[in-house]
N, C-alpha and C. Protein backbone atom coordinates (compact mmCIF):
# COMPACT_ATOMS: atom_id res chain seq x y z
N MET A 1 14.67 15.41 -14.97
CA MET A 1 14.29 13.78 -15.55
C MET A 1 14.25 12.68 -14.08
N THR A 2 12.49 12.65 -14.04
CA THR A 2 12.13 11.38 -12.55
C THR A 2 12.91 10.19 -12.82
N THR A 3 13.91 9.48 -11.79
CA THR A 3 13.79 8.02 -11.71
C THR A 3 12.77 7.39 -11.98
N ARG A 4 13.32 6.13 -11.74
CA ARG A 4 11.65 5.10 -11.60
C ARG A 4 10.98 5.06 -10.06
N ARG A 5 12.37 4.89 -9.24
CA ARG A 5 11.65 4.97 -7.78
C ARG A 5 11.21 6.13 -7.67
N GLU A 6 11.60 7.67 -8.38
CA GLU A 6 10.80 8.57 -7.99
C GLU A 6 9.25 8.46 -8.86
N ARG A 7 8.93 7.90 -9.87
CA ARG A 7 7.78 7.67 -10.49
C ARG A 7 6.78 6.79 -9.79
N PHE A 8 8.45 5.71 -8.36
CA PHE A 8 7.14 4.54 -7.72
C PHE A 8 6.81 4.94 -6.91
N ASP A 9 7.47 6.27 -6.02
CA ASP A 9 6.97 6.93 -4.34
C ASP A 9 5.23 8.31 -4.97
N ASP A 10 5.91 8.15 -6.55
CA ASP A 10 4.17 9.15 -6.69
C ASP A 10 3.71 8.33 -7.01
N LEU A 11 3.30 7.34 -7.19
CA LEU A 11 2.09 5.97 -7.67
C LEU A 11 1.50 6.17 -6.29
N VAL A 12 2.57 5.78 -5.08
CA VAL A 12 2.34 5.73 -4.24
C VAL A 12 1.08 6.75 -2.86
N LEU A 13 2.16 7.82 -4.09
CA LEU A 13 1.76 9.29 -2.96
C LEU A 13 0.22 9.65 -3.31
N ASP A 14 0.35 9.47 -4.67
CA ASP A 14 -1.48 9.20 -5.13
C ASP A 14 -2.07 8.69 -4.59
N ALA A 15 -1.91 7.79 -4.50
CA ALA A 15 -3.03 6.42 -4.11
C ALA A 15 -3.37 6.39 -2.98
N ALA A 16 -2.16 7.38 -2.45
CA ALA A 16 -2.68 8.05 -0.58
C ALA A 16 -3.57 8.84 -0.20
N ASP A 17 -3.30 9.96 -1.46
CA ASP A 17 -3.80 11.07 -1.48
C ASP A 17 -5.33 10.53 -1.70
N ARG A 18 -5.55 10.10 -2.77
CA ARG A 18 -6.89 9.45 -3.09
C ARG A 18 -7.90 8.96 -1.85
N LEU A 19 -6.85 8.18 -0.77
CA LEU A 19 -7.62 7.69 0.16
C LEU A 19 -7.91 8.51 1.84
N ARG A 20 -7.03 9.35 1.89
CA ARG A 20 -6.87 10.07 2.83
C ARG A 20 -8.09 10.75 3.37
N PRO A 21 -9.21 11.05 2.65
CA PRO A 21 -10.79 11.64 3.35
C PRO A 21 -11.20 10.50 3.63
N HIS A 22 -10.95 9.20 3.67
CA HIS A 22 -11.47 7.97 4.16
C HIS A 22 -10.52 7.84 6.02
N LEU A 23 -9.42 8.25 5.99
CA LEU A 23 -8.83 7.94 7.14
C LEU A 23 -9.58 9.34 8.23
N GLY A 24 -10.24 9.81 8.33
CA GLY A 24 -10.43 11.10 9.03
C GLY A 24 -9.76 11.65 10.36
N THR A 25 -10.24 11.57 10.61
CA THR A 25 -9.09 12.37 11.89
C THR A 25 -8.59 11.49 13.26
N ARG A 26 -8.83 10.48 13.17
CA ARG A 26 -8.53 9.14 13.64
C ARG A 26 -6.99 8.57 13.33
N TYR A 27 -7.42 8.58 11.57
CA TYR A 27 -5.59 7.80 11.39
C TYR A 27 -5.47 8.75 10.12
N ALA A 28 -5.43 10.62 10.26
CA ALA A 28 -5.04 11.63 9.72
C ALA A 28 -3.50 11.46 9.49
N GLY A 29 -2.81 11.54 10.51
CA GLY A 29 -1.10 10.80 10.53
C GLY A 29 -0.42 10.12 9.79
N THR A 30 -1.25 8.97 9.54
CA THR A 30 -0.82 7.37 9.00
C THR A 30 -0.09 7.91 7.57
N GLU A 31 1.44 7.18 7.69
CA GLU A 31 2.66 7.76 6.80
C GLU A 31 2.69 6.30 5.63
N PHE A 32 2.84 6.63 4.79
CA PHE A 32 3.14 6.30 3.95
C PHE A 32 4.02 5.96 3.02
N ALA A 33 5.14 4.68 2.98
CA ALA A 33 5.96 4.74 2.77
C ALA A 33 6.58 3.73 1.85
N VAL A 34 7.32 3.56 1.13
CA VAL A 34 7.94 2.85 -0.09
C VAL A 34 9.76 1.94 0.90
N GLN A 35 9.68 0.58 0.77
CA GLN A 35 11.13 0.18 1.17
C GLN A 35 11.13 -1.03 -0.45
N ASP A 36 12.36 -1.37 -0.89
CA ASP A 36 12.62 -1.92 -2.03
C ASP A 36 11.57 -3.34 -2.29
N VAL A 37 12.21 -4.08 -0.67
CA VAL A 37 11.96 -4.67 -0.77
C VAL A 37 11.27 -5.66 0.91
N PRO A 38 10.51 -6.77 1.28
CA PRO A 38 10.22 -6.50 1.93
C PRO A 38 11.09 -7.65 3.13
N PRO A 39 11.02 -7.29 4.46
CA PRO A 39 11.98 -7.99 5.10
C PRO A 39 11.96 -9.35 5.22
N THR A 40 13.35 -9.74 5.30
CA THR A 40 13.63 -11.14 5.60
C THR A 40 12.89 -11.90 6.42
N ASP A 41 12.36 -11.49 7.38
CA ASP A 41 11.75 -12.62 8.39
C ASP A 41 10.05 -12.47 8.81
N PRO A 42 9.69 -13.00 7.59
CA PRO A 42 8.39 -13.23 7.58
C PRO A 42 7.66 -13.36 8.53
N ALA A 43 6.60 -12.67 9.05
CA ALA A 43 5.75 -13.56 10.26
C ALA A 43 5.16 -14.99 10.02
N PRO A 44 4.74 -15.93 10.65
CA PRO A 44 4.82 -16.94 10.06
C PRO A 44 3.31 -17.26 9.75
N TRP A 45 2.32 -16.29 9.93
CA TRP A 45 1.22 -16.43 8.79
C TRP A 45 1.06 -16.01 8.02
N GLU A 46 2.26 -15.12 7.69
CA GLU A 46 2.46 -14.48 6.07
C GLU A 46 2.66 -15.39 4.83
N GLU A 47 2.54 -15.40 4.16
CA GLU A 47 2.49 -16.48 2.79
C GLU A 47 4.07 -16.34 2.64
N GLN A 48 4.47 -17.62 2.15
CA GLN A 48 6.08 -17.43 0.92
C GLN A 48 6.09 -17.17 -0.07
N VAL A 49 5.14 -16.41 -0.62
CA VAL A 49 5.45 -15.56 -1.77
C VAL A 49 6.00 -13.90 -0.83
N ALA A 50 6.66 -13.36 -2.17
CA ALA A 50 6.82 -11.62 -1.46
C ALA A 50 5.26 -11.14 -1.36
N PRO A 51 5.16 -10.46 0.19
CA PRO A 51 3.71 -9.32 -0.07
C PRO A 51 4.29 -8.47 -0.70
N LEU A 52 3.48 -7.60 -1.51
CA LEU A 52 3.58 -6.43 -2.42
C LEU A 52 3.52 -5.14 -1.00
N GLY A 53 2.81 -5.68 0.01
CA GLY A 53 2.56 -4.40 0.84
C GLY A 53 2.56 -5.02 2.45
N ARG A 54 2.53 -4.02 3.19
CA ARG A 54 1.90 -4.15 4.37
C ARG A 54 1.41 -2.79 5.56
N LEU A 55 1.08 -3.59 6.64
CA LEU A 55 0.39 -2.31 7.21
C LEU A 55 1.02 -2.51 8.72
N LEU A 56 1.67 -1.64 8.57
CA LEU A 56 2.40 -1.57 10.60
C LEU A 56 1.33 -0.73 11.26
N ARG A 57 0.72 -1.04 12.50
CA ARG A 57 -0.03 -0.62 13.39
C ARG A 57 1.05 0.35 14.12
N ALA A 58 0.25 1.25 14.68
CA ALA A 58 0.70 2.52 15.25
C ALA A 58 1.37 1.91 16.79
N THR A 59 2.78 1.85 16.73
CA THR A 59 3.16 1.81 18.38
C THR A 59 2.71 3.10 19.20
N ALA A 60 3.73 3.09 20.24
CA ALA A 60 3.71 4.17 21.60
C ALA A 60 5.08 4.97 20.44
N SER A 61 5.56 4.78 19.68
CA SER A 61 7.23 5.57 19.20
C SER A 61 6.63 5.78 17.62
N ARG A 62 5.53 5.61 17.07
CA ARG A 62 5.43 6.01 15.79
C ARG A 62 3.22 5.71 15.35
N THR A 63 3.25 6.29 14.06
CA THR A 63 2.04 5.87 14.08
C THR A 63 1.73 5.27 12.88
N ASP A 64 0.50 5.14 12.73
CA ASP A 64 0.19 3.70 11.60
C ASP A 64 1.09 4.14 10.30
N ARG A 65 1.22 3.15 9.66
CA ARG A 65 2.20 3.21 8.54
C ARG A 65 1.78 1.91 7.23
N VAL A 66 1.67 2.56 5.60
CA VAL A 66 1.52 1.55 5.08
C VAL A 66 2.58 1.87 3.90
N VAL A 67 3.25 0.39 4.31
CA VAL A 67 4.63 0.48 3.46
C VAL A 67 4.39 -0.44 2.29
N VAL A 68 4.73 0.17 1.19
CA VAL A 68 4.42 -1.02 -0.39
C VAL A 68 5.88 -1.11 -1.26
N TYR A 69 6.07 -2.29 -1.40
CA TYR A 69 7.16 -2.48 -1.69
C TYR A 69 7.48 -2.87 -2.93
N ARG A 70 8.36 -2.03 -3.24
CA ARG A 70 8.62 -0.79 -5.07
C ARG A 70 9.35 -2.46 -5.45
N ARG A 71 10.22 -3.52 -5.34
CA ARG A 71 10.49 -4.43 -6.75
C ARG A 71 9.46 -5.62 -6.44
N PRO A 72 8.82 -6.38 -6.01
CA PRO A 72 7.46 -7.45 -5.78
C PRO A 72 6.92 -6.86 -6.39
N VAL A 73 6.52 -5.22 -6.04
CA VAL A 73 5.00 -4.80 -7.51
C VAL A 73 5.31 -4.94 -8.58
N GLU A 74 6.59 -4.17 -9.00
CA GLU A 74 7.33 -4.07 -10.51
C GLU A 74 7.37 -5.71 -10.90
N ALA A 75 7.92 -6.66 -10.54
CA ALA A 75 8.29 -7.51 -10.88
C ALA A 75 6.50 -7.75 -11.44
N ARG A 76 5.57 -7.89 -10.62
CA ARG A 76 4.18 -8.53 -10.68
C ARG A 76 4.00 -7.70 -12.23
N ALA A 77 4.25 -6.42 -12.03
CA ALA A 77 2.95 -5.09 -13.27
C ALA A 77 3.81 -5.50 -14.78
N GLN A 78 3.11 -5.47 -15.53
CA GLN A 78 3.02 -5.41 -17.00
C GLN A 78 3.76 -4.71 -17.84
N ASP A 79 2.60 -3.21 -17.37
CA ASP A 79 3.47 -2.21 -18.44
C ASP A 79 3.31 -1.20 -17.11
N ASP A 80 3.06 0.13 -17.49
CA ASP A 80 3.33 1.72 -16.55
C ASP A 80 1.30 1.34 -15.70
N GLN A 81 0.44 1.54 -16.49
CA GLN A 81 -0.38 1.08 -16.03
C GLN A 81 -0.99 0.19 -15.80
N ASP A 82 -0.91 -1.23 -15.12
CA ASP A 82 -0.50 -2.26 -14.69
C ASP A 82 0.04 -1.71 -13.42
N LEU A 83 1.26 -1.16 -13.45
CA LEU A 83 1.77 -0.91 -12.08
C LEU A 83 0.88 0.08 -11.23
N ALA A 84 0.27 1.05 -11.49
CA ALA A 84 -0.02 1.89 -11.20
C ALA A 84 -1.28 1.21 -10.66
N ASP A 85 -2.47 0.64 -11.28
CA ASP A 85 -3.04 -0.28 -10.93
C ASP A 85 -2.94 -0.91 -9.72
N ILE A 86 -1.74 -2.15 -9.47
CA ILE A 86 -0.98 -2.89 -8.46
C ILE A 86 -1.27 -1.08 -7.18
N VAL A 87 -0.56 -0.26 -7.52
CA VAL A 87 0.02 0.33 -6.08
C VAL A 87 -1.30 0.71 -5.69
N ARG A 88 -2.53 1.30 -6.65
CA ARG A 88 -3.59 1.53 -6.08
C ARG A 88 -4.16 0.13 -5.09
N GLU A 89 -3.99 -0.48 -5.49
CA GLU A 89 -5.08 -1.73 -4.95
C GLU A 89 -3.93 -2.00 -3.64
N VAL A 90 -2.70 -2.38 -3.76
CA VAL A 90 -1.94 -2.36 -2.31
C VAL A 90 -2.33 -1.44 -1.31
N VAL A 91 -1.92 -0.38 -1.68
CA VAL A 91 -2.36 0.98 -0.64
C VAL A 91 -4.00 0.76 -0.70
N THR A 92 -5.30 0.27 -1.21
CA THR A 92 -6.60 0.52 -0.52
C THR A 92 -7.01 -0.62 -0.09
N GLU A 93 -5.47 -1.62 0.02
CA GLU A 93 -6.38 -2.85 0.88
C GLU A 93 -5.61 -3.03 1.84
N GLN A 94 -4.16 -2.11 2.40
CA GLN A 94 -3.78 -1.98 3.47
C GLN A 94 -4.53 -0.92 4.52
N VAL A 95 -5.16 0.19 3.81
CA VAL A 95 -5.92 1.17 4.01
C VAL A 95 -7.43 0.85 4.81
N ALA A 96 -8.05 -0.16 3.82
CA ALA A 96 -9.15 -0.79 4.30
C ALA A 96 -9.09 -1.80 5.40
N ALA A 97 -7.68 -2.32 5.56
CA ALA A 97 -6.98 -3.03 6.67
C ALA A 97 -7.02 -2.53 8.28
N LEU A 98 -6.64 -1.13 7.73
CA LEU A 98 -6.27 0.05 8.55
C LEU A 98 -7.46 0.04 9.10
N LEU A 99 -8.38 1.01 8.52
CA LEU A 99 -10.19 1.40 9.05
C LEU A 99 -11.23 -0.33 9.56
N GLY A 100 -10.29 -1.11 8.24
CA GLY A 100 -11.72 -2.57 8.88
C GLY A 100 -12.73 -2.46 8.12
N VAL A 101 -12.46 -2.16 7.09
CA VAL A 101 -13.70 -2.05 5.85
C VAL A 101 -13.10 -2.94 4.82
N PRO A 102 -13.93 -3.60 3.81
CA PRO A 102 -13.86 -4.07 2.34
C PRO A 102 -13.04 -3.14 1.43
N PRO A 103 -12.22 -3.32 0.91
CA PRO A 103 -11.39 -2.47 0.19
C PRO A 103 -12.18 -1.63 -1.14
N HIS A 104 -13.67 -2.71 -1.47
CA HIS A 104 -14.58 -1.92 -2.68
C HIS A 104 -15.49 -1.11 -1.77
N GLU A 105 -14.74 -0.48 -0.48
CA GLU A 105 -15.87 0.27 -0.04
C GLU A 105 -15.43 1.79 0.16
N LEU A 106 -13.86 1.54 -0.07
CA LEU A 106 -12.65 2.91 -0.61
C LEU A 106 -12.85 2.96 -1.84
N ASP A 107 -12.48 1.73 -2.36
CA ASP A 107 -12.63 1.86 -4.16
C ASP A 107 -13.85 1.47 -4.75
N PRO A 108 -14.34 2.09 -5.41
CA PRO A 108 -15.30 1.19 -6.35
C PRO A 108 -14.99 0.32 -7.10
N ASP A 109 -13.48 0.37 -8.07
CA ASP A 109 -13.38 -0.26 -8.65
C ASP A 109 -13.04 -1.96 -8.04
N ALA A 110 -12.58 -1.98 -6.76
CA ALA A 110 -11.28 -3.14 -6.04
C ALA A 110 -12.61 -3.81 -6.39
N ASP A 111 -11.74 -5.03 -6.64
CA ASP A 111 -12.53 -6.35 -6.28
C ASP A 111 -13.22 -7.03 -5.05
N PRO A 112 -14.44 -6.67 -4.98
CA PRO A 112 -14.89 -7.64 -3.73
C PRO A 112 -14.60 -8.74 -3.19
N ASP A 113 -14.15 -9.70 -4.36
CA ASP A 113 -14.37 -11.17 -3.54
C ASP A 113 -12.58 -11.78 -3.24
N ARG A 114 -11.61 -10.34 -3.90
CA ARG A 114 -10.43 -10.59 -3.71
C ARG A 114 -10.34 -10.72 -1.55
């Protein structure tokens, strides 16, 4: 039997797998991770509401990393389908930011007005 945490991890991996073809060779090493909650020291430009995800750009010691925050996403979801949709949206938005393109170019179902 899988745990709620494992199911969430699987949703993130599924969303990442859908977008991997867009990453090309330059971003092929991008990591996808799940953290329970965002850090408590938000950057000054971030909103005061808990973020659902974050893009951590590559440094000398790590590759680009897309992080999805499990608890804020779960708190926003109404049901399992909504949870899957929100995870897909968060991962798509972060990968779009990495690539410098609008999310709807990666996912036709993404809202172009967001």
